[in-house]
């Protein structure tokens, strides 16, 4: 199977994390993907942020704020192996889902974030 075919099977999922640990979870997940050789099954890991302009001490300061605190986005092929890898990452509470199956985001939802 070539990588383009594999990319078509990857979908975006929302992972619920402990609030304040989004970066740690993303780094931990990236390390686990490398350690278990799942680079072909798990793609990008994003922490939704937005730039906010604040005035501090009379100066404009641009800071990056979490857009959805407690959540990260993961592009992945969903199967038992990848589900367990993500779910067993420290500080991960679980997948955002309807029922027992994680719910992938639609293309429009991904573009919106």
PDB file of N, CA and C in Angstrom:
ATOM      1  N   UNK A   1       0.851  -1.173   0.000  1.00  0.00           N
ATOM      2  CA  UNK A   1       0.000   0.000   0.000  1.00  0.00           C
ATOM      3  C   UNK A   1       0.895   1.235   0.000  1.00  0.00           C
ATOM      4  N   UNK A   2       0.639   2.186  -0.901  1.00  0.00           N
ATOM      5  CA  UNK A   2       1.467   3.386  -0.918  1.00  0.00           C
ATOM      6  C   UNK A   2       0.945   4.410   0.082  1.00  0.00           C
ATOM      7  N   UNK A   3       1.760   5.441   0.349  1.00  0.00           N
ATOM      8  CA  UNK A   3       1.422   6.398   1.402  1.00  0.00           C
ATOM      9  C   UNK A   3       0.176   7.211   1.068  1.00  0.00           C
ATOM     10  N   UNK A   4      -0.102   7.458  -0.220  1.00  0.00           N
ATOM     11  CA  UNK A   4      -1.310   8.208  -0.575  1.00  0.00           C
ATOM     12  C   UNK A   4      -2.560   7.428  -0.189  1.00  0.00           C
ATOM     13  N   UNK A   5      -2.542   6.132  -0.419  1.00  0.00           N
ATOM     14  CA  UNK A   5      -3.672   5.302  -0.029  1.00  0.00           C
ATOM     15  C   UNK A   5      -3.841   5.330   1.478  1.00  0.00           C
ATOM     16  N   UNK A   6      -2.729   5.256   2.187  1.00  0.00           N
ATOM     17  CA  UNK A   6      -2.769   5.270   3.640  1.00  0.00           C
ATOM     18  C   UNK A   6      -3.323   6.597   4.157  1.00  0.00           C
ATOM     19  N   UNK A   7      -2.943   7.711   3.519  1.00  0.00           N
ATOM     20  CA  UNK A   7      -3.445   9.021   3.930  1.00  0.00           C
ATOM     21  C   UNK A   7      -4.956   9.123   3.779  1.00  0.00           C
ATOM     22  N   UNK A   8      -5.508   8.440   2.769  1.00  0.00           N
ATOM     23  CA  UNK A   8      -6.952   8.481   2.567  1.00  0.00           C
ATOM     24  C   UNK A   8      -7.689   7.788   3.712  1.00  0.00           C
ATOM     25  N   UNK A   9      -7.042   6.812   4.342  1.00  0.00           N
ATOM     26  CA  UNK A   9      -7.676   6.082   5.428  1.00  0.00           C
ATOM     27  C   UNK A   9      -7.568   6.817   6.760  1.00  0.00           C
ATOM     28  N   UNK A  10      -6.671   7.808   6.844  1.00  0.00           N
ATOM     29  CA  UNK A  10      -6.512   8.563   8.080  1.00  0.00           C
ATOM     30  C   UNK A  10      -7.634   9.586   8.201  1.00  0.00           C
ATOM     31  N   UNK A  11      -8.150   9.688   9.404  1.00  0.00           N
ATOM     32  CA  UNK A  11      -9.173  10.681   9.690  1.00  0.00           C
ATOM     33  C   UNK A  11      -8.738  11.432  10.939  1.00  0.00           C
ATOM     34  N   UNK A  12      -9.345  12.579  11.161  1.00  0.00           N
ATOM     35  CA  UNK A  12      -9.035  13.389  12.337  1.00  0.00           C
ATOM     36  C   UNK A  12      -9.964  13.017  13.475  1.00  0.00           C
ATOM     37  N   UNK A  13      -9.370  12.846  14.648  1.00  0.00           N
ATOM     38  CA  UNK A  13     -10.131  12.528  15.854  1.00  0.00           C
ATOM     39  C   UNK A  13      -9.766  13.520  16.948  1.00  0.00           C
ATOM     40  N   UNK A  14     -10.720  13.789  17.824  1.00  0.00           N
ATOM     41  CA  UNK A  14     -10.472  14.675  18.957  1.00  0.00           C
ATOM     42  C   UNK A  14     -10.151  13.809  20.168  1.00  0.00           C
ATOM     43  N   UNK A  15      -9.045  14.134  20.814  1.00  0.00           N
ATOM     44  CA  UNK A  15      -8.605  13.407  22.003  1.00  0.00           C
ATOM     45  C   UNK A  15      -8.797  14.321  23.208  1.00  0.00           C
ATOM     46  N   UNK A  16      -9.446  13.816  24.240  1.00  0.00           N
ATOM     47  CA  UNK A  16      -9.634  14.585  25.465  1.00  0.00           C
ATOM     48  C   UNK A  16      -8.448  14.335  26.376  1.00  0.00           C
ATOM     49  N   UNK A  17      -7.824  15.431  26.840  1.00  0.00           N
ATOM     50  CA  UNK A  17      -6.656  15.327  27.710  1.00  0.00           C
ATOM     51  C   UNK A  17      -6.946  16.011  29.042  1.00  0.00           C
ATOM     52  N   UNK A  18      -6.074  15.792  29.995  1.00  0.00           N
ATOM     53  CA  UNK A  18      -6.165  16.556  31.230  1.00  0.00           C
ATOM     54  C   UNK A  18      -5.878  18.008  30.856  1.00  0.00           C
ATOM     55  N   UNK A  19      -6.688  18.931  31.333  1.00  0.00           N
ATOM     56  CA  UNK A  19      -6.505  20.341  31.012  1.00  0.00           C
ATOM     57  C   UNK A  19      -5.144  20.812  31.517  1.00  0.00           C
ATOM     58  N   UNK A  20      -4.445  21.534  30.657  1.00  0.00           N
ATOM     59  CA  UNK A  20      -3.119  22.021  31.006  1.00  0.00           C
ATOM     60  C   UNK A  20      -1.999  21.084  30.579  1.00  0.00           C
ATOM     61  N   UNK A  21      -2.346  19.897  30.102  1.00  0.00           N
ATOM     62  CA  UNK A  21      -1.340  18.910  29.700  1.00  0.00           C
ATOM     63  C   UNK A  21      -1.359  18.644  28.193  1.00  0.00           C
ATOM     64  N   UNK A  22      -1.973  19.538  27.423  1.00  0.00           N
ATOM     65  CA  UNK A  22      -2.109  19.313  25.978  1.00  0.00           C
ATOM     66  C   UNK A  22      -0.749  19.116  25.301  1.00  0.00           C
ATOM     67  N   UNK A  23       0.225  19.978  25.609  1.00  0.00           N
ATOM     68  CA  UNK A  23       1.550  19.863  24.989  1.00  0.00           C
ATOM     69  C   UNK A  23       2.259  18.577  25.425  1.00  0.00           C
ATOM     70  N   UNK A  24       2.174  18.256  26.715  1.00  0.00           N
ATOM     71  CA  UNK A  24       2.800  17.029  27.230  1.00  0.00           C
ATOM     72  C   UNK A  24       2.198  15.799  26.549  1.00  0.00           C
ATOM     73  N   UNK A  25       0.879  15.792  26.377  1.00  0.00           N
ATOM     74  CA  UNK A  25       0.216  14.656  25.728  1.00  0.00           C
ATOM     75  C   UNK A  25       0.673  14.551  24.276  1.00  0.00           C
ATOM     76  N   UNK A  26       0.718  15.684  23.566  1.00  0.00           N
ATOM     77  CA  UNK A  26       1.152  15.665  22.159  1.00  0.00           C
ATOM     78  C   UNK A  26       2.579  15.143  22.046  1.00  0.00           C
ATOM     79  N   UNK A  27       3.473  15.621  22.922  1.00  0.00           N
ATOM     80  CA  UNK A  27       4.865  15.151  22.900  1.00  0.00           C
ATOM     81  C   UNK A  27       4.955  13.669  23.258  1.00  0.00           C
ATOM     82  N   UNK A  28       4.203  13.256  24.279  1.00  0.00           N
ATOM     83  CA  UNK A  28       4.203  11.853  24.691  1.00  0.00           C
ATOM     84  C   UNK A  28       3.672  10.942  23.596  1.00  0.00           C
ATOM     85  N   UNK A  29       2.623  11.394  22.927  1.00  0.00           N
ATOM     86  CA  UNK A  29       2.037  10.605  21.847  1.00  0.00           C
ATOM     87  C   UNK A  29       3.018  10.485  20.684  1.00  0.00           C
ATOM     88  N   UNK A  30       3.702  11.588  20.342  1.00  0.00           N
ATOM     89  CA  UNK A  30       4.695  11.537  19.263  1.00  0.00           C
ATOM     90  C   UNK A  30       5.810  10.539  19.609  1.00  0.00           C
ATOM     91  N   UNK A  31       6.253  10.547  20.865  1.00  0.00           N
ATOM     92  CA  UNK A  31       7.298   9.615  21.296  1.00  0.00           C
ATOM     93  C   UNK A  31       6.819   8.175  21.186  1.00  0.00           C
ATOM     94  N   UNK A  32       5.583   7.929  21.600  1.00  0.00           N
ATOM     95  CA  UNK A  32       5.030   6.577  21.541  1.00  0.00           C
ATOM     96  C   UNK A  32       4.863   6.109  20.085  1.00  0.00           C
ATOM     97  N   UNK A  33       4.466   7.016  19.200  1.00  0.00           N
ATOM     98  CA  UNK A  33       4.326   6.671  17.778  1.00  0.00           C
ATOM     99  C   UNK A  33       5.683   6.212  17.235  1.00  0.00           C
ATOM    100  N   UNK A  34       6.756   6.957  17.585  1.00  0.00           N
ATOM    101  CA  UNK A  34       8.110   6.584  17.145  1.00  0.00           C
ATOM    102  C   UNK A  34       8.528   5.238  17.739  1.00  0.00           C
ATOM    103  N   UNK A  35       8.309   5.092  19.045  1.00  0.00           N
ATOM    104  CA  UNK A  35       8.749   3.880  19.748  1.00  0.00           C
ATOM    105  C   UNK A  35       8.062   2.624  19.226  1.00  0.00           C
ATOM    106  N   UNK A  36       6.791   2.740  18.865  1.00  0.00           N
ATOM    107  CA  UNK A  36       6.034   1.577  18.394  1.00  0.00           C
ATOM    108  C   UNK A  36       6.019   1.465  16.867  1.00  0.00           C
ATOM    109  N   UNK A  37       6.729   2.368  16.171  1.00  0.00           N
ATOM    110  CA  UNK A  37       6.822   2.300  14.712  1.00  0.00           C
ATOM    111  C   UNK A  37       5.492   2.497  14.002  1.00  0.00           C
ATOM    112  N   UNK A  38       4.678   3.407  14.495  1.00  0.00           N
ATOM    113  CA  UNK A  38       3.350   3.633  13.897  1.00  0.00           C
ATOM    114  C   UNK A  38       3.273   4.925  13.089  1.00  0.00           C
ATOM    115  N   UNK A  39       4.405   5.381  12.563  1.00  0.00           N
ATOM    116  CA  UNK A  39       4.417   6.618  11.795  1.00  0.00           C
ATOM    117  C   UNK A  39       3.479   6.562  10.589  1.00  0.00           C
ATOM    118  N   UNK A  40       3.283   5.380  10.026  1.00  0.00           N
ATOM    119  CA  UNK A  40       2.406   5.246   8.866  1.00  0.00           C
ATOM    120  C   UNK A  40       0.924   5.264   9.216  1.00  0.00           C
ATOM    121  N   UNK A  41       0.607   5.024  10.485  1.00  0.00           N
ATOM    122  CA  UNK A  41      -0.798   4.951  10.891  1.00  0.00           C
ATOM    123  C   UNK A  41      -1.277   6.194  11.630  1.00  0.00           C
ATOM    124  N   UNK A  42      -0.340   6.929  12.248  1.00  0.00           N
ATOM    125  CA  UNK A  42      -0.698   8.143  12.962  1.00  0.00           C
ATOM    126  C   UNK A  42       0.078   9.291  12.344  1.00  0.00           C
ATOM    127  N   UNK A  43      -0.659  10.286  11.850  1.00  0.00           N
ATOM    128  CA  UNK A  43      -0.038  11.416  11.155  1.00  0.00           C
ATOM    129  C   UNK A  43       0.173  12.601  12.083  1.00  0.00           C
ATOM    130  N   UNK A  44      -0.442  13.713  11.718  1.00  0.00           N
ATOM    131  CA  UNK A  44      -0.257  14.957  12.459  1.00  0.00           C
ATOM    132  C   UNK A  44      -0.966  14.932  13.809  1.00  0.00           C
ATOM    133  N   UNK A  45      -0.367  15.637  14.751  1.00  0.00           N
ATOM    134  CA  UNK A  45      -0.960  15.827  16.076  1.00  0.00           C
ATOM    135  C   UNK A  45      -0.987  17.338  16.293  1.00  0.00           C
ATOM    136  N   UNK A  46      -2.171  17.894  16.436  1.00  0.00           N
ATOM    137  CA  UNK A  46      -2.305  19.344  16.552  1.00  0.00           C
ATOM    138  C   UNK A  46      -2.928  19.762  17.869  1.00  0.00           C
ATOM    139  N   UNK A  47      -2.427  20.876  18.403  1.00  0.00           N
ATOM    140  CA  UNK A  47      -3.028  21.503  19.574  1.00  0.00           C
ATOM    141  C   UNK A  47      -3.701  22.765  19.047  1.00  0.00           C
ATOM    142  N   UNK A  48      -5.039  22.798  19.023  1.00  0.00           N
ATOM    143  CA  UNK A  48      -5.720  23.981  18.471  1.00  0.00           C
ATOM    144  C   UNK A  48      -5.438  25.231  19.314  1.00  0.00           C
ATOM    145  N   UNK A  49      -4.773  26.220  18.701  1.00  0.00           N
ATOM    146  CA  UNK A  49      -4.477  27.478  19.374  1.00  0.00           C
ATOM    147  C   UNK A  49      -4.883  28.641  18.487  1.00  0.00           C
ATOM    148  N   UNK A  50      -4.977  29.804  19.117  1.00  0.00           N
ATOM    149  CA  UNK A  50      -5.238  31.029  18.368  1.00  0.00           C
ATOM    150  C   UNK A  50      -4.334  32.111  18.938  1.00  0.00           C
ATOM    151  N   UNK A  51      -3.891  33.035  18.081  1.00  0.00           N
ATOM    152  CA  UNK A  51      -3.070  34.143  18.539  1.00  0.00           C
ATOM    153  C   UNK A  51      -3.982  35.241  19.064  1.00  0.00           C
ATOM    154  N   UNK A  52      -3.651  35.746  20.240  1.00  0.00           N
ATOM    155  CA  UNK A  52      -4.443  36.786  20.887  1.00  0.00           C
ATOM    156  C   UNK A  52      -3.517  37.969  21.167  1.00  0.00           C
ATOM    157  N   UNK A  53      -3.972  39.188  20.816  1.00  0.00           N
ATOM    158  CA  UNK A  53      -3.196  40.394  21.084  1.00  0.00           C
ATOM    159  C   UNK A  53      -3.661  40.963  22.412  1.00  0.00           C
ATOM    160  N   UNK A  54      -2.708  41.151  23.309  1.00  0.00           N
ATOM    161  CA  UNK A  54      -3.009  41.709  24.625  1.00  0.00           C
ATOM    162  C   UNK A  54      -2.130  42.940  24.840  1.00  0.00           C
ATOM    163  N   UNK A  55      -2.584  43.837  25.691  1.00  0.00           N
ATOM    164  CA  UNK A  55      -1.788  45.005  26.055  1.00  0.00           C
ATOM    165  C   UNK A  55      -1.212  44.735  27.447  1.00  0.00           C
ATOM    166  N   UNK A  56       0.108  44.663  27.518  1.00  0.00           N
ATOM    167  CA  UNK A  56       0.789  44.444  28.798  1.00  0.00           C
ATOM    168  C   UNK A  56       1.841  45.530  28.966  1.00  0.00           C
ATOM    169  N   UNK A  57       1.717  46.304  30.021  1.00  0.00           N
ATOM    170  CA  UNK A  57       2.683  47.378  30.265  1.00  0.00           C
ATOM    171  C   UNK A  57       2.709  48.398  29.149  1.00  0.00           C
ATOM    172  N   UNK A  58       1.556  48.641  28.521  1.00  0.00           N
ATOM    173  CA  UNK A  58       1.461  49.619  27.437  1.00  0.00           C
ATOM    174  C   UNK A  58       1.960  49.110  26.096  1.00  0.00           C
ATOM    175  N   UNK A  59       2.349  47.846  26.013  1.00  0.00           N
ATOM    176  CA  UNK A  59       2.846  47.277  24.747  1.00  0.00           C
ATOM    177  C   UNK A  59       1.912  46.174  24.267  1.00  0.00           C
ATOM    178  N   UNK A  60       1.806  46.074  22.943  1.00  0.00           N
ATOM    179  CA  UNK A  60       1.029  44.982  22.364  1.00  0.00           C
ATOM    180  C   UNK A  60       1.859  43.711  22.405  1.00  0.00           C
ATOM    181  N   UNK A  61       1.263  42.676  22.938  1.00  0.00           N
ATOM    182  CA  UNK A  61       1.941  41.388  23.028  1.00  0.00           C
ATOM    183  C   UNK A  61       1.025  40.337  22.403  1.00  0.00           C
ATOM    184  N   UNK A  62       1.578  39.541  21.488  1.00  0.00           N
ATOM    185  CA  UNK A  62       0.809  38.461  20.865  1.00  0.00           C
ATOM    186  C   UNK A  62       1.132  37.177  21.613  1.00  0.00           C
ATOM    187  N   UNK A  63       0.089  36.563  22.156  1.00  0.00           N
ATOM    188  CA  UNK A  63       0.278  35.293  22.853  1.00  0.00           C
ATOM    189  C   UNK A  63      -0.580  34.223  22.186  1.00  0.00           C
ATOM    190  N   UNK A  64      -0.151  33.012  22.331  1.00  0.00           N
ATOM    191  CA  UNK A  64      -0.888  31.884  21.774  1.00  0.00           C
ATOM    192  C   UNK A  64      -1.751  31.286  22.877  1.00  0.00           C
ATOM    193  N   UNK A  65      -3.049  31.270  22.665  1.00  0.00           N
ATOM    194  CA  UNK A  65      -3.990  30.720  23.652  1.00  0.00           C
ATOM    195  C   UNK A  65      -4.618  29.455  23.091  1.00  0.00           C
ATOM    196  N   UNK A  66      -4.921  28.524  23.989  1.00  0.00           N
ATOM    197  CA  UNK A  66      -5.592  27.300  23.566  1.00  0.00           C
ATOM    198  C   UNK A  66      -6.999  27.632  23.094  1.00  0.00           C
ATOM    199  N   UNK A  67      -7.345  27.110  21.936  1.00  0.00           N
ATOM    200  CA  UNK A  67      -8.653  27.329  21.344  1.00  0.00           C
ATOM    201  C   UNK A  67      -9.680  26.402  21.990  1.00  0.00           C
ATOM    202  N   UNK A  68      -9.276  25.155  22.251  1.00  0.00           N
ATOM    203  CA  UNK A  68     -10.108  24.157  22.919  1.00  0.00           C
ATOM    204  C   UNK A  68      -9.297  23.541  24.052  1.00  0.00           C
ATOM    205  N   UNK A  69      -9.238  24.209  25.221  1.00  0.00           N
ATOM    206  CA  UNK A  69      -8.445  23.646  26.323  1.00  0.00           C
ATOM    207  C   UNK A  69      -8.897  22.232  26.668  1.00  0.00           C
ATOM    208  N   UNK A  70      -7.928  21.349  26.872  1.00  0.00           N
ATOM    209  CA  UNK A  70      -8.236  19.967  27.234  1.00  0.00           C
ATOM    210  C   UNK A  70      -8.429  19.040  26.049  1.00  0.00           C
ATOM    211  N   UNK A  71      -8.164  19.538  24.834  1.00  0.00           N
ATOM    212  CA  UNK A  71      -8.353  18.706  23.640  1.00  0.00           C
ATOM    213  C   UNK A  71      -7.184  18.874  22.685  1.00  0.00           C
ATOM    214  N   UNK A  72      -6.828  17.790  21.985  1.00  0.00           N
ATOM    215  CA  UNK A  72      -5.886  17.847  20.870  1.00  0.00           C
ATOM    216  C   UNK A  72      -6.505  17.084  19.706  1.00  0.00           C
ATOM    217  N   UNK A  73      -6.009  17.350  18.511  1.00  0.00           N
ATOM    218  CA  UNK A  73      -6.489  16.662  17.305  1.00  0.00           C
ATOM    219  C   UNK A  73      -5.407  15.706  16.822  1.00  0.00           C
ATOM    220  N   UNK A  74      -5.828  14.507  16.450  1.00  0.00           N
ATOM    221  CA  UNK A  74      -4.883  13.504  15.958  1.00  0.00           C
ATOM    222  C   UNK A  74      -5.403  12.951  14.639  1.00  0.00           C
ATOM    223  N   UNK A  75      -4.527  12.941  13.638  1.00  0.00           N
ATOM    224  CA  UNK A  75      -4.845  12.358  12.330  1.00  0.00           C
ATOM    225  C   UNK A  75      -4.349  10.927  12.358  1.00  0.00           C
ATOM    226  N   UNK A  76      -5.272   9.977  12.198  1.00  0.00           N
ATOM    227  CA  UNK A  76      -4.854   8.582  12.337  1.00  0.00           C
ATOM    228  C   UNK A  76      -5.797   7.614  11.641  1.00  0.00           C
ATOM    229  N   UNK A  77      -5.256   6.431  11.355  1.00  0.00           N
ATOM    230  CA  UNK A  77      -6.082   5.297  10.947  1.00  0.00           C
ATOM    231  C   UNK A  77      -6.586   4.694  12.245  1.00  0.00           C
ATOM    232  N   UNK A  78      -7.876   4.526  12.374  1.00  0.00           N
ATOM    233  CA  UNK A  78      -8.404   3.973  13.613  1.00  0.00           C
ATOM    234  C   UNK A  78      -8.486   2.453  13.515  1.00  0.00           C
ATOM    235  N   UNK A  79      -7.747   1.784  14.388  1.00  0.00           N
ATOM    236  CA  UNK A  79      -7.849   0.341  14.541  1.00  0.00           C
ATOM    237  C   UNK A  79      -7.532   0.038  16.006  1.00  0.00           C
ATOM    238  N   UNK A  80      -7.604  -1.206  16.402  1.00  0.00           N
ATOM    239  CA  UNK A  80      -7.372  -1.559  17.807  1.00  0.00           C
ATOM    240  C   UNK A  80      -5.993  -1.111  18.291  1.00  0.00           C
ATOM    241  N   UNK A  81      -4.995  -1.303  17.437  1.00  0.00           N
ATOM    242  CA  UNK A  81      -3.614  -0.978  17.799  1.00  0.00           C
ATOM    243  C   UNK A  81      -3.432   0.529  18.049  1.00  0.00           C
ATOM    244  N   UNK A  82      -3.922   1.364  17.114  1.00  0.00           N
ATOM    245  CA  UNK A  82      -3.766   2.814  17.269  1.00  0.00           C
ATOM    246  C   UNK A  82      -4.654   3.340  18.394  1.00  0.00           C
ATOM    247  N   UNK A  83      -5.842   2.771  18.545  1.00  0.00           N
ATOM    248  CA  UNK A  83      -6.742   3.186  19.627  1.00  0.00           C
ATOM    249  C   UNK A  83      -6.054   2.975  20.977  1.00  0.00           C
ATOM    250  N   UNK A  84      -5.463   1.791  21.169  1.00  0.00           N
ATOM    251  CA  UNK A  84      -4.782   1.491  22.431  1.00  0.00           C
ATOM    252  C   UNK A  84      -3.557   2.378  22.639  1.00  0.00           C
ATOM    253  N   UNK A  85      -2.807   2.651  21.570  1.00  0.00           N
ATOM    254  CA  UNK A  85      -1.631   3.514  21.684  1.00  0.00           C
ATOM    255  C   UNK A  85      -2.039   4.895  22.195  1.00  0.00           C
ATOM    256  N   UNK A  86      -3.060   5.481  21.588  1.00  0.00           N
ATOM    257  CA  UNK A  86      -3.518   6.810  22.003  1.00  0.00           C
ATOM    258  C   UNK A  86      -4.137   6.744  23.389  1.00  0.00           C
ATOM    259  N   UNK A  87      -5.022   5.807  23.602  1.00  0.00           N
ATOM    260  CA  UNK A  87      -5.774   5.713  24.856  1.00  0.00           C
ATOM    261  C   UNK A  87      -4.871   5.468  26.057  1.00  0.00           C
ATOM    262  N   UNK A  88      -3.751   4.768  25.865  1.00  0.00           N
ATOM    263  CA  UNK A  88      -2.838   4.456  26.960  1.00  0.00           C
ATOM    264  C   UNK A  88      -1.703   5.470  27.113  1.00  0.00           C
ATOM    265  N   UNK A  89      -1.781   6.582  26.387  1.00  0.00           N
ATOM    266  CA  UNK A  89      -0.808   7.665  26.551  1.00  0.00           C
ATOM    267  C   UNK A  89      -1.134   8.388  27.854  1.00  0.00           C
ATOM    268  N   UNK A  90      -0.127   8.632  28.699  1.00  0.00           N
ATOM    269  CA  UNK A  90      -0.405   9.321  29.967  1.00  0.00           C
ATOM    270  C   UNK A  90      -1.119  10.656  29.766  1.00  0.00           C
ATOM    271  N   UNK A  91      -2.076  10.943  30.634  1.00  0.00           N
ATOM    272  CA  UNK A  91      -2.872  12.180  30.670  1.00  0.00           C
ATOM    273  C   UNK A  91      -3.939  12.251  29.577  1.00  0.00           C
ATOM    274  N   UNK A  92      -4.196  11.137  28.878  1.00  0.00           N
ATOM    275  CA  UNK A  92      -5.296  11.080  27.904  1.00  0.00           C
ATOM    276  C   UNK A  92      -6.516  10.513  28.604  1.00  0.00           C
ATOM    277  N   UNK A  93      -7.630  11.250  28.518  1.00  0.00           N
ATOM    278  CA  UNK A  93      -8.881  10.785  29.126  1.00  0.00           C
ATOM    279  C   UNK A  93      -9.642   9.876  28.175  1.00  0.00           C
ATOM    280  N   UNK A  94      -9.509  10.107  26.875  1.00  0.00           N
ATOM    281  CA  UNK A  94     -10.196   9.280  25.895  1.00  0.00           C
ATOM    282  C   UNK A  94     -10.473  10.036  24.617  1.00  0.00           C
ATOM    283  N   UNK A  95     -11.212   9.396  23.743  1.00  0.00           N
ATOM    284  CA  UNK A  95     -11.622   9.995  22.475  1.00  0.00           C
ATOM    285  C   UNK A  95     -12.966  10.673  22.656  1.00  0.00           C
ATOM    286  N   UNK A  96     -13.208  11.720  21.877  1.00  0.00           N
ATOM    287  CA  UNK A  96     -14.546  12.289  21.817  1.00  0.00           C
ATOM    288  C   UNK A  96     -15.327  11.372  20.880  1.00  0.00           C
ATOM    289  N   UNK A  97     -16.461  10.859  21.371  1.00  0.00           N
ATOM    290  CA  UNK A  97     -17.199   9.877  20.576  1.00  0.00           C
ATOM    291  C   UNK A  97     -18.693   9.966  20.819  1.00  0.00           C
ATOM    292  N   UNK A  98     -19.393   9.320  19.936  1.00  0.00           N
ATOM    293  CA  UNK A  98     -20.822   9.103  20.112  1.00  0.00           C
ATOM    294  C   UNK A  98     -20.964   7.599  20.281  1.00  0.00           C
ATOM    295  N   UNK A  99     -21.344   7.172  21.451  1.00  0.00           N
ATOM    296  CA  UNK A  99     -21.394   5.740  21.723  1.00  0.00           C
ATOM    297  C   UNK A  99     -20.006   5.227  22.021  1.00  0.00           C
ATOM    298  N   UNK A 100     -19.725   4.003  21.586  1.00  0.00           N
ATOM    299  CA  UNK A 100     -18.441   3.388  21.921  1.00  0.00           C
ATOM    300  C   UNK A 100     -17.357   3.649  20.875  1.00  0.00           C
ATOM    301  N   UNK A 101     -17.720   4.069  19.672  1.00  0.00           N
ATOM    302  CA  UNK A 101     -16.747   4.313  18.610  1.00  0.00           C
ATOM    303  C   UNK A 101     -16.339   5.781  18.569  1.00  0.00           C
ATOM    304  N   UNK A 102     -15.028   6.075  18.505  1.00  0.00           N
ATOM    305  CA  UNK A 102     -14.601   7.460  18.321  1.00  0.00           C
ATOM    306  C   UNK A 102     -15.189   8.026  17.033  1.00  0.00           C
ATOM    307  N   UNK A 103     -15.607   9.284  17.085  1.00  0.00           N
ATOM    308  CA  UNK A 103     -16.243   9.933  15.950  1.00  0.00           C
ATOM    309  C   UNK A 103     -15.223  10.788  15.199  1.00  0.00           C
ATOM    310  N   UNK A 104     -14.972  10.480  13.908  1.00  0.00           N
ATOM    311  CA  UNK A 104     -14.027  11.313  13.152  1.00  0.00           C
ATOM    312  C   UNK A 104     -14.651  12.670  12.822  1.00  0.00           C
ATOM    313  N   UNK A 105     -13.801  13.672  12.676  1.00  0.00           N
ATOM    314  CA  UNK A 105     -14.261  14.986  12.266  1.00  0.00           C
ATOM    315  C   UNK A 105     -14.524  14.983  10.764  1.00  0.00           C
ATOM    316  N   UNK A 106     -15.447  15.814  10.339  1.00  0.00           N
ATOM    317  CA  UNK A 106     -15.681  15.977   8.901  1.00  0.00           C
ATOM    318  C   UNK A 106     -14.612  16.917   8.357  1.00  0.00           C
ATOM    319  N   UNK A 107     -14.451  16.951   7.059  1.00  0.00           N
ATOM    320  CA  UNK A 107     -13.484  17.852   6.413  1.00  0.00           C
ATOM    321  C   UNK A 107     -13.778  19.311   6.773  1.00  0.00           C
ATOM    322  N   UNK A 108     -15.058  19.678   6.799  1.00  0.00           N
ATOM    323  CA  UNK A 108     -15.442  21.059   7.153  1.00  0.00           C
ATOM    324  C   UNK A 108     -15.052  21.402   8.587  1.00  0.00           C
ATOM    325  N   UNK A 109     -15.240  20.442   9.510  1.00  0.00           N
ATOM    326  CA  UNK A 109     -14.880  20.679  10.911  1.00  0.00           C
ATOM    327  C   UNK A 109     -13.371  20.853  11.070  1.00  0.00           C
ATOM    328  N   UNK A 110     -12.586  20.056  10.344  1.00  0.00           N
ATOM    329  CA  UNK A 110     -11.125  20.157  10.402  1.00  0.00           C
ATOM    330  C   UNK A 110     -10.697  21.532   9.882  1.00  0.00           C
ATOM    331  N   UNK A 111     -11.271  21.961   8.772  1.00  0.00           N
ATOM    332  CA  UNK A 111     -10.917  23.249   8.188  1.00  0.00           C
ATOM    333  C   UNK A 111     -11.294  24.407   9.103  1.00  0.00           C
ATOM    334  N   UNK A 112     -12.388  24.262   9.828  1.00  0.00           N
ATOM    335  CA  UNK A 112     -12.852  25.291  10.749  1.00  0.00           C
ATOM    336  C   UNK A 112     -11.860  25.476  11.903  1.00  0.00           C
ATOM    337  N   UNK A 113     -11.318  24.367  12.387  1.00  0.00           N
ATOM    338  CA  UNK A 113     -10.349  24.421  13.493  1.00  0.00           C
ATOM    339  C   UNK A 113      -9.034  24.913  12.962  1.00  0.00           C
TER     340      UNK A 113
END
